[in-house]
Amino acid sequence: MSPFVSGEISVGRFLIKNSTLLCVDDDLGILEFYETMLGSNGYHVLLAQDGRQALAVFQEKAKQIDVVISDYEMPGMNGIELAAELKRYNSSLPVIMISGCVPLLDNIRHNVDILLSKGAPVEEILARIEFLLCLKREASAFSIS
């Protein structure tokens, strides 16, 4: 089976170009890192500093957002609460949670598709994003309108 599937996916890495990611973290340094790292890998990156801001961005651009990457621990609304709210609007929206307390999160995976620990290698973050985008693409290819 070839890893190549039509023009917008590159051979081998499954990079789906022009996908939009919503990145949520209360640490501006982390947001800048996401913007640089993900942007340089062909993604459109939207940023939010907390759950409430992320919901506002999502409500404005819901049809454009392909994957959400969120920190767990944030003031006001934590990442799990944000994921639950986002899934209420779009149950198929992929959510990646990144946190320093991953063992605690294993019990609350209901609204989170992938859990990563803080400090995960860039290659792992990119691979997980690409995996979710491929799953989303496959699911939409088989859905009946």
Foldseek 3Di string as FASTA:
>chain_A
DFPDDDDQADGPLLDRAAAEEEEEALDVVVLVVCCVLVVVSRYHYHYYNDLVRSVVVCVVQVVRHQEYEYEQDDPPAGPLRSLVVNCVVPVLRAYEYEEQPVVVCVVPCPSHDYYHYPPPDSSVVSSVVSVSNVVVVVVVVPDDD
